[in-house]
Amino acid sequence: MAELALAFMAGLAGSAHCLGMCGGLVAALAVTTPDSSHAQRFMVTLAYHLGRIATYTLLGIVVGAASQGALLTRYTFLFNLLFLAANLTVVLIGLATAAGLQGISLARLDGTPWGGLGRILAYASRSASPLPYALAGLLMGLLPCGLVYGVLLTAAGSGSWMTGGLKMLAFGIGTLPALMLYGQVASNLRVSFGQLFLRLMGGVVALLGLMGIAESLVRMGIIPPIMLPW
């Protein structure tokens, strides 16, 4: 439960980062046709974000299932070593983000959409139907994003497809409020407090990494399970 709460906080704290990365896209998708009603714009925007969160959840299920399978094989110890190293990397990048070190921050892992995705987004923006927006969201969930990578790495070592999926679902829901309410208030938040929230996001991701390290040490028999407070 504590991990899910932290994943939600990572998404919430990372909303300013999300606005900086794809806020313009969200604003563009929110404008459909000149005669669209507010309710219609709300529905298509919601469809887009639900598609994006669905992709995050599916990715969490996939990496969680992969770790669950690895824990049932003779390579369990090697897997735990790799997971330990991955979480150490998450902690390092999270702390660097919290400290404002741009060279190795989460933002350095961000990418840009590819051509085919751009055409789908252009089609969605011309449509008043939720379905193209949901498809656009499903694909946008695959957009390279440092914040997503950070939380996904912690989900990869959950040892459970359900826990992995729930962690990414909680993260996605955390990003939803600011992106759904994107407008003047969200824009001002991005400009005035973007760096503050980016640093907070880094701290939360680092905490998720520390929890993953502790779980790896328990699985390797280095520390007893009783030492985990969650």
C-alpha atoms as a PDB file:
ATOM      1  CA  MET A   1       0.000   0.000   0.000  1.00  0.00           C
ATOM      2  CA  ALA A   2       2.863   2.393   0.814  1.00  0.00           C
ATOM      3  CA  GLU A   3       4.408   1.740  -2.606  1.00  0.00           C
ATOM      4  CA  LEU A   4       1.116   2.492  -4.342  1.00  0.00           C
ATOM      5  CA  ALA A   5       0.783   5.736  -2.378  1.00  0.00           C
ATOM      6  CA  LEU A   6       4.321   6.740  -3.369  1.00  0.00           C
ATOM      7  CA  ALA A   7       3.641   5.854  -7.015  1.00  0.00           C
ATOM      8  CA  PHE A   8       0.530   8.071  -6.898  1.00  0.00           C
ATOM      9  CA  MET A   9       2.579  10.875  -5.308  1.00  0.00           C
ATOM     10  CA  ALA A  10       5.237  10.494  -8.010  1.00  0.00           C
ATOM     11  CA  GLY A  11       2.555  11.026 -10.648  1.00  0.00           C
ATOM     12  CA  LEU A  12       1.038  13.932  -8.745  1.00  0.00           C
ATOM     13  CA  ALA A  13       4.396  15.591  -8.136  1.00  0.00           C
ATOM     14  CA  GLY A  14       5.433  14.910 -11.710  1.00  0.00           C
ATOM     15  CA  SER A  15       2.404  16.684 -13.171  1.00  0.00           C
ATOM     16  CA  ALA A  16       4.431  19.846 -13.713  1.00  0.00           C
ATOM     17  CA  HIS A  17       7.009  17.789 -15.602  1.00  0.00           C
ATOM     18  CA  CYS A  18       4.211  16.253 -17.677  1.00  0.00           C
ATOM     19  CA  LEU A  19       2.877  19.707 -18.498  1.00  0.00           C
ATOM     20  CA  GLY A  20       6.313  20.846 -19.568  1.00  0.00           C
ATOM     21  CA  MET A  21       6.791  17.799 -21.779  1.00  0.00           C
ATOM     22  CA  CYS A  22       3.384  17.447 -23.426  1.00  0.00           C
ATOM     23  CA  GLY A  23       1.214  20.267 -22.081  1.00  0.00           C
ATOM     24  CA  GLY A  24       1.016  21.833 -25.523  1.00  0.00           C
ATOM     25  CA  LEU A  25      -0.192  18.556 -26.951  1.00  0.00           C
ATOM     26  CA  VAL A  26      -2.825  18.198 -24.229  1.00  0.00           C
ATOM     27  CA  ALA A  27      -4.045  21.720 -24.897  1.00  0.00           C
ATOM     28  CA  ALA A  28      -4.225  21.048 -28.638  1.00  0.00           C
ATOM     29  CA  LEU A  29      -6.145  17.813 -28.151  1.00  0.00           C
ATOM     30  CA  ALA A  30      -8.602  19.581 -25.865  1.00  0.00           C
ATOM     31  CA  VAL A  31      -9.716  21.770 -28.794  1.00  0.00           C
ATOM     32  CA  THR A  32     -11.714  19.631 -31.197  1.00  0.00           C
ATOM     33  CA  THR A  33     -14.109  21.481 -33.492  1.00  0.00           C
ATOM     34  CA  PRO A  34     -15.381  25.027 -33.085  1.00  0.00           C
ATOM     35  CA  ASP A  35     -18.876  23.828 -32.229  1.00  0.00           C
ATOM     36  CA  SER A  36     -17.754  21.269 -29.637  1.00  0.00           C
ATOM     37  CA  SER A  37     -19.457  21.558 -26.272  1.00  0.00           C
ATOM     38  CA  HIS A  38     -17.541  21.699 -22.999  1.00  0.00           C
ATOM     39  CA  ALA A  39     -18.874  18.243 -22.133  1.00  0.00           C
ATOM     40  CA  GLN A  40     -17.665  16.871 -25.460  1.00  0.00           C
ATOM     41  CA  ARG A  41     -14.191  18.345 -25.012  1.00  0.00           C
ATOM     42  CA  PHE A  42     -14.088  16.904 -21.500  1.00  0.00           C
ATOM     43  CA  MET A  43     -15.016  13.433 -22.759  1.00  0.00           C
ATOM     44  CA  VAL A  44     -12.430  13.307 -25.529  1.00  0.00           C
ATOM     45  CA  THR A  45      -9.712  14.625 -23.226  1.00  0.00           C
ATOM     46  CA  LEU A  46     -10.660  12.046 -20.591  1.00  0.00           C
ATOM     47  CA  ALA A  47     -10.564   9.320 -23.259  1.00  0.00           C
ATOM     48  CA  TYR A  48      -7.029  10.389 -24.185  1.00  0.00           C
ATOM     49  CA  HIS A  49      -5.800  10.209 -20.592  1.00  0.00           C
ATOM     50  CA  LEU A  50      -7.547   6.911 -19.886  1.00  0.00           C
ATOM     51  CA  GLY A  51      -5.777   5.470 -22.917  1.00  0.00           C
ATOM     52  CA  ARG A  52      -2.445   6.759 -21.647  1.00  0.00           C
ATOM     53  CA  ILE A  53      -3.039   5.337 -18.154  1.00  0.00           C
ATOM     54  CA  ALA A  54      -4.128   2.005 -19.666  1.00  0.00           C
ATOM     55  CA  THR A  55      -0.757   1.747 -21.423  1.00  0.00           C
ATOM     56  CA  TYR A  56       1.094   2.538 -18.183  1.00  0.00           C
ATOM     57  CA  THR A  57      -0.912  -0.158 -16.401  1.00  0.00           C
ATOM     58  CA  LEU A  58      -0.260  -2.721 -19.128  1.00  0.00           C
ATOM     59  CA  LEU A  59       3.466  -1.973 -19.021  1.00  0.00           C
ATOM     60  CA  GLY A  60       3.398  -2.470 -15.252  1.00  0.00           C
ATOM     61  CA  ILE A  61       1.615  -5.809 -15.654  1.00  0.00           C
ATOM     62  CA  VAL A  62       4.156  -6.963 -18.250  1.00  0.00           C
ATOM     63  CA  VAL A  63       7.257  -6.074 -16.241  1.00  0.00           C
ATOM     64  CA  GLY A  64       5.658  -7.353 -13.019  1.00  0.00           C
ATOM     65  CA  ALA A  65       4.836 -10.673 -14.700  1.00  0.00           C
ATOM     66  CA  ALA A  66       8.404 -10.886 -16.027  1.00  0.00           C
ATOM     67  CA  SER A  67       9.809 -10.414 -12.522  1.00  0.00           C
ATOM     68  CA  GLN A  68       7.283 -12.892 -11.113  1.00  0.00           C
ATOM     69  CA  GLY A  69       8.477 -15.487 -13.599  1.00  0.00           C
ATOM     70  CA  ALA A  70      12.117 -14.770 -12.838  1.00  0.00           C
ATOM     71  CA  LEU A  71      11.534 -15.284  -9.124  1.00  0.00           C
ATOM     72  CA  LEU A  72      10.319 -18.827  -9.873  1.00  0.00           C
ATOM     73  CA  THR A  73      13.487 -19.891 -11.685  1.00  0.00           C
ATOM     74  CA  ARG A  74      16.990 -20.864 -10.618  1.00  0.00           C
ATOM     75  CA  TYR A  75      18.157 -17.414 -11.708  1.00  0.00           C
ATOM     76  CA  THR A  76      16.368 -15.729  -8.823  1.00  0.00           C
ATOM     77  CA  PHE A  77      19.574 -14.506  -7.161  1.00  0.00           C
ATOM     78  CA  LEU A  78      20.859 -13.007 -10.424  1.00  0.00           C
ATOM     79  CA  PHE A  79      17.515 -11.323 -11.004  1.00  0.00           C
ATOM     80  CA  ASN A  80      17.617  -9.798  -7.525  1.00  0.00           C
ATOM     81  CA  LEU A  81      21.124  -8.491  -8.174  1.00  0.00           C
ATOM     82  CA  LEU A  82      19.945  -6.856 -11.392  1.00  0.00           C
ATOM     83  CA  PHE A  83      16.907  -5.423  -9.640  1.00  0.00           C
ATOM     84  CA  LEU A  84      19.127  -4.118  -6.846  1.00  0.00           C
ATOM     85  CA  ALA A  85      21.358  -2.386  -9.408  1.00  0.00           C
ATOM     86  CA  ALA A  86      18.331  -0.958 -11.212  1.00  0.00           C
ATOM     87  CA  ASN A  87      16.930   0.490  -7.998  1.00  0.00           C
ATOM     88  CA  LEU A  88      20.303   1.960  -7.081  1.00  0.00           C
ATOM     89  CA  THR A  89      20.175   3.723 -10.463  1.00  0.00           C
ATOM     90  CA  VAL A  90      16.636   4.923  -9.731  1.00  0.00           C
ATOM     91  CA  VAL A  91      17.765   6.330  -6.378  1.00  0.00           C
ATOM     92  CA  LEU A  92      20.775   8.051  -7.969  1.00  0.00           C
ATOM     93  CA  ILE A  93      18.713   9.654 -10.749  1.00  0.00           C
ATOM     94  CA  GLY A  94      15.931  10.583  -8.305  1.00  0.00           C
ATOM     95  CA  LEU A  95      18.345  12.273  -5.915  1.00  0.00           C
ATOM     96  CA  ALA A  96      20.060  14.062  -8.806  1.00  0.00           C
ATOM     97  CA  THR A  97      16.653  15.342  -9.934  1.00  0.00           C
ATOM     98  CA  ALA A  98      15.823  16.462  -6.389  1.00  0.00           C
ATOM     99  CA  ALA A  99      19.173  18.263  -6.194  1.00  0.00           C
ATOM    100  CA  GLY A 100      18.603  20.014  -9.520  1.00  0.00           C
ATOM    101  CA  LEU A 101      21.466  18.265 -11.340  1.00  0.00           C
ATOM    102  CA  GLN A 102      20.168  18.396 -14.909  1.00  0.00           C
ATOM    103  CA  GLY A 103      22.909  16.214 -16.377  1.00  0.00           C
ATOM    104  CA  ILE A 104      21.528  12.969 -14.900  1.00  0.00           C
ATOM    105  CA  SER A 105      17.987  13.967 -14.008  1.00  0.00           C
ATOM    106  CA  LEU A 106      14.812  12.148 -15.027  1.00  0.00           C
ATOM    107  CA  ALA A 107      14.196  14.796 -17.655  1.00  0.00           C
ATOM    108  CA  ARG A 108      17.287  13.604 -19.557  1.00  0.00           C
ATOM    109  CA  LEU A 109      15.479  10.339 -20.347  1.00  0.00           C
ATOM    110  CA  ASP A 110      12.621  12.092 -22.131  1.00  0.00           C
ATOM    111  CA  GLY A 111      12.034  11.619 -25.854  1.00  0.00           C
ATOM    112  CA  THR A 112       9.874  12.963 -28.637  1.00  0.00           C
ATOM    113  CA  PRO A 113       7.010  11.433 -30.656  1.00  0.00           C
ATOM    114  CA  TRP A 114       7.781   9.675 -33.924  1.00  0.00           C
ATOM    115  CA  GLY A 115       6.214  10.430 -37.294  1.00  0.00           C
ATOM    116  CA  GLY A 116       3.430   7.832 -37.300  1.00  0.00           C
ATOM    117  CA  LEU A 117       2.291   8.900 -33.850  1.00  0.00           C
ATOM    118  CA  GLY A 118       2.180  12.495 -34.990  1.00  0.00           C
ATOM    119  CA  ARG A 119      -0.235  11.586 -37.782  1.00  0.00           C
ATOM    120  CA  ILE A 120      -2.525   9.745 -35.359  1.00  0.00           C
ATOM    121  CA  LEU A 121      -2.511  12.729 -33.005  1.00  0.00           C
ATOM    122  CA  ALA A 122      -3.341  15.040 -35.904  1.00  0.00           C
ATOM    123  CA  TYR A 123      -6.267  12.801 -36.831  1.00  0.00           C
ATOM    124  CA  ALA A 124      -7.494  12.721 -33.230  1.00  0.00           C
ATOM    125  CA  SER A 125      -7.399  16.515 -32.999  1.00  0.00           C
ATOM    126  CA  ARG A 126      -9.739  16.738 -36.018  1.00  0.00           C
ATOM    127  CA  SER A 127     -12.228  14.278 -34.555  1.00  0.00           C
ATOM    128  CA  ALA A 128     -14.964  14.828 -32.025  1.00  0.00           C
ATOM    129  CA  SER A 129     -15.110  11.121 -31.128  1.00  0.00           C
ATOM    130  CA  PRO A 130     -13.476   9.715 -27.940  1.00  0.00           C
ATOM    131  CA  LEU A 131     -12.157   6.612 -29.762  1.00  0.00           C
ATOM    132  CA  PRO A 132      -9.332   8.314 -31.723  1.00  0.00           C
ATOM    133  CA  TYR A 133      -8.357  10.161 -28.561  1.00  0.00           C
ATOM    134  CA  ALA A 134      -8.215   6.910 -26.602  1.00  0.00           C
ATOM    135  CA  LEU A 135      -6.000   5.419 -29.322  1.00  0.00           C
ATOM    136  CA  ALA A 136      -3.772   8.483 -29.221  1.00  0.00           C
ATOM    137  CA  GLY A 137      -3.495   8.103 -25.451  1.00  0.00           C
ATOM    138  CA  LEU A 138      -2.603   4.411 -25.748  1.00  0.00           C
ATOM    139  CA  LEU A 139       0.251   5.315 -28.077  1.00  0.00           C
ATOM    140  CA  MET A 140       1.359   8.366 -26.097  1.00  0.00           C
ATOM    141  CA  GLY A 141       1.815   6.074 -23.108  1.00  0.00           C
ATOM    142  CA  LEU A 142       4.779   4.631 -25.020  1.00  0.00           C
ATOM    143  CA  LEU A 143       6.455   8.021 -25.408  1.00  0.00           C
ATOM    144  CA  PRO A 144       9.940   7.921 -23.819  1.00  0.00           C
ATOM    145  CA  CYS A 145       9.612   9.642 -20.444  1.00  0.00           C
ATOM    146  CA  GLY A 146      12.112   9.625 -17.598  1.00  0.00           C
ATOM    147  CA  LEU A 147       9.427   9.763 -14.939  1.00  0.00           C
ATOM    148  CA  VAL A 148       7.618   6.750 -16.404  1.00  0.00           C
ATOM    149  CA  TYR A 149      10.908   4.863 -16.669  1.00  0.00           C
ATOM    150  CA  GLY A 150      11.728   5.564 -13.027  1.00  0.00           C
ATOM    151  CA  VAL A 151       8.439   4.206 -11.678  1.00  0.00           C
ATOM    152  CA  LEU A 152       8.404   1.350 -14.212  1.00  0.00           C
ATOM    153  CA  LEU A 153      11.789   0.140 -12.972  1.00  0.00           C
ATOM    154  CA  THR A 154      10.411  -0.140  -9.462  1.00  0.00           C
ATOM    155  CA  ALA A 155       7.358  -1.985 -10.811  1.00  0.00           C
ATOM    156  CA  ALA A 156       9.683  -4.369 -12.641  1.00  0.00           C
ATOM    157  CA  GLY A 157      10.942  -5.777  -9.372  1.00  0.00           C
ATOM    158  CA  SER A 158       7.591  -6.110  -7.663  1.00  0.00           C
ATOM    159  CA  GLY A 159       7.558  -9.874  -8.191  1.00  0.00           C
ATOM    160  CA  SER A 160       3.867  -9.737  -9.093  1.00  0.00           C
ATOM    161  CA  TRP A 161       1.998  -8.829 -12.264  1.00  0.00           C
ATOM    162  CA  MET A 162      -0.806  -7.396 -10.145  1.00  0.00           C
ATOM    163  CA  THR A 163       1.455  -5.229  -8.000  1.00  0.00           C
ATOM    164  CA  GLY A 164       3.326  -4.009 -11.070  1.00  0.00           C
ATOM    165  CA  GLY A 165       0.077  -3.075 -12.793  1.00  0.00           C
ATOM    166  CA  LEU A 166      -1.403  -1.416  -9.711  1.00  0.00           C
ATOM    167  CA  LYS A 167       1.752   0.627  -9.150  1.00  0.00           C
ATOM    168  CA  MET A 168       1.684   2.007 -12.688  1.00  0.00           C
ATOM    169  CA  LEU A 169      -2.083   2.552 -12.453  1.00  0.00           C
ATOM    170  CA  ALA A 170      -1.602   4.582  -9.257  1.00  0.00           C
ATOM    171  CA  PHE A 171       1.148   6.572 -10.961  1.00  0.00           C
ATOM    172  CA  GLY A 172      -1.056   7.286 -13.977  1.00  0.00           C
ATOM    173  CA  ILE A 173      -3.980   8.393 -11.823  1.00  0.00           C
ATOM    174  CA  GLY A 174      -1.612  10.745 -10.007  1.00  0.00           C
ATOM    175  CA  THR A 175      -0.818  12.537 -13.279  1.00  0.00           C
ATOM    176  CA  LEU A 176      -4.498  12.899 -14.161  1.00  0.00           C
ATOM    177  CA  PRO A 177      -5.726  15.908 -12.117  1.00  0.00           C
ATOM    178  CA  ALA A 178      -3.299  18.553 -13.416  1.00  0.00           C
ATOM    179  CA  LEU A 179      -3.456  17.337 -17.004  1.00  0.00           C
ATOM    180  CA  MET A 180      -7.267  17.208 -16.984  1.00  0.00           C
ATOM    181  CA  LEU A 181      -7.444  20.699 -15.517  1.00  0.00           C
ATOM    182  CA  TYR A 182      -4.785  22.032 -17.847  1.00  0.00           C
ATOM    183  CA  GLY A 183      -5.524  25.646 -18.614  1.00  0.00           C
ATOM    184  CA  GLN A 184      -4.599  28.927 -17.002  1.00  0.00           C
ATOM    185  CA  VAL A 185      -4.085  27.518 -13.516  1.00  0.00           C
ATOM    186  CA  ALA A 186      -2.046  24.537 -14.699  1.00  0.00           C
ATOM    187  CA  SER A 187      -0.023  26.756 -17.017  1.00  0.00           C
ATOM    188  CA  ASN A 188       0.832  29.124 -14.174  1.00  0.00           C
ATOM    189  CA  LEU A 189       1.757  26.145 -12.018  1.00  0.00           C
ATOM    190  CA  ARG A 190       4.137  24.925 -14.653  1.00  0.00           C
ATOM    191  CA  VAL A 191       5.840  28.309 -15.006  1.00  0.00           C
ATOM    192  CA  SER A 192       5.995  29.261 -11.332  1.00  0.00           C
ATOM    193  CA  PHE A 193       6.550  25.946  -9.580  1.00  0.00           C
ATOM    194  CA  GLY A 194       7.778  23.594 -12.301  1.00  0.00           C
ATOM    195  CA  GLN A 195      11.291  23.183 -10.912  1.00  0.00           C
ATOM    196  CA  LEU A 196      10.017  22.789  -7.346  1.00  0.00           C
ATOM    197  CA  PHE A 197       7.646  19.998  -8.369  1.00  0.00           C
ATOM    198  CA  LEU A 198      10.328  18.389 -10.530  1.00  0.00           C
ATOM    199  CA  ARG A 199      12.600  18.183  -7.491  1.00  0.00           C
ATOM    200  CA  LEU A 200       9.789  16.827  -5.342  1.00  0.00           C
ATOM    201  CA  MET A 201       9.113  14.214  -8.006  1.00  0.00           C
ATOM    202  CA  GLY A 202      12.775  13.196  -7.918  1.00  0.00           C
ATOM    203  CA  GLY A 203      12.625  12.726  -4.163  1.00  0.00           C
ATOM    204  CA  VAL A 204       9.525  10.536  -4.378  1.00  0.00           C
ATOM    205  CA  VAL A 205      11.068   8.402  -7.139  1.00  0.00           C
ATOM    206  CA  ALA A 206      14.205   8.019  -5.015  1.00  0.00           C
ATOM    207  CA  LEU A 207      12.033   6.770  -2.124  1.00  0.00           C
ATOM    208  CA  LEU A 208      10.453   4.190  -4.441  1.00  0.00           C
ATOM    209  CA  GLY A 209      13.946   3.068  -5.401  1.00  0.00           C
ATOM    210  CA  LEU A 210      14.966   2.737  -1.751  1.00  0.00           C
ATOM    211  CA  MET A 211      11.935   0.577  -1.092  1.00  0.00           C
ATOM    212  CA  GLY A 212      12.903  -1.607  -4.033  1.00  0.00           C
ATOM    213  CA  ILE A 213      16.435  -1.939  -2.658  1.00  0.00           C
ATOM    214  CA  ALA A 214      15.078  -3.049   0.709  1.00  0.00           C
ATOM    215  CA  GLU A 215      12.837  -5.643  -0.941  1.00  0.00           C
ATOM    216  CA  SER A 216      15.777  -7.002  -2.944  1.00  0.00           C
ATOM    217  CA  LEU A 217      17.859  -7.332   0.212  1.00  0.00           C
ATOM    218  CA  VAL A 218      15.022  -9.228   1.881  1.00  0.00           C
ATOM    219  CA  ARG A 219      14.713 -11.621  -1.061  1.00  0.00           C
ATOM    220  CA  MET A 220      18.469 -12.203  -0.998  1.00  0.00           C
ATOM    221  CA  GLY A 221      18.321 -12.993   2.720  1.00  0.00           C
ATOM    222  CA  ILE A 222      20.556 -10.083   3.712  1.00  0.00           C
ATOM    223  CA  ILE A 223      17.966  -8.424   5.944  1.00  0.00           C
ATOM    224  CA  PRO A 224      14.910 -10.013   7.637  1.00  0.00           C
ATOM    225  CA  PRO A 225      11.406  -9.209   6.346  1.00  0.00           C
ATOM    226  CA  ILE A 226      10.468  -7.797   9.728  1.00  0.00           C
ATOM    227  CA  MET A 227      12.667  -4.781   8.990  1.00  0.00           C
ATOM    228  CA  LEU A 228      10.320  -3.642   6.219  1.00  0.00           C
ATOM    229  CA  PRO A 229       7.741  -1.222   7.698  1.00  0.00           C
ATOM    230  CA  TRP A 230       5.263  -1.680   4.823  1.00  0.00           C
END
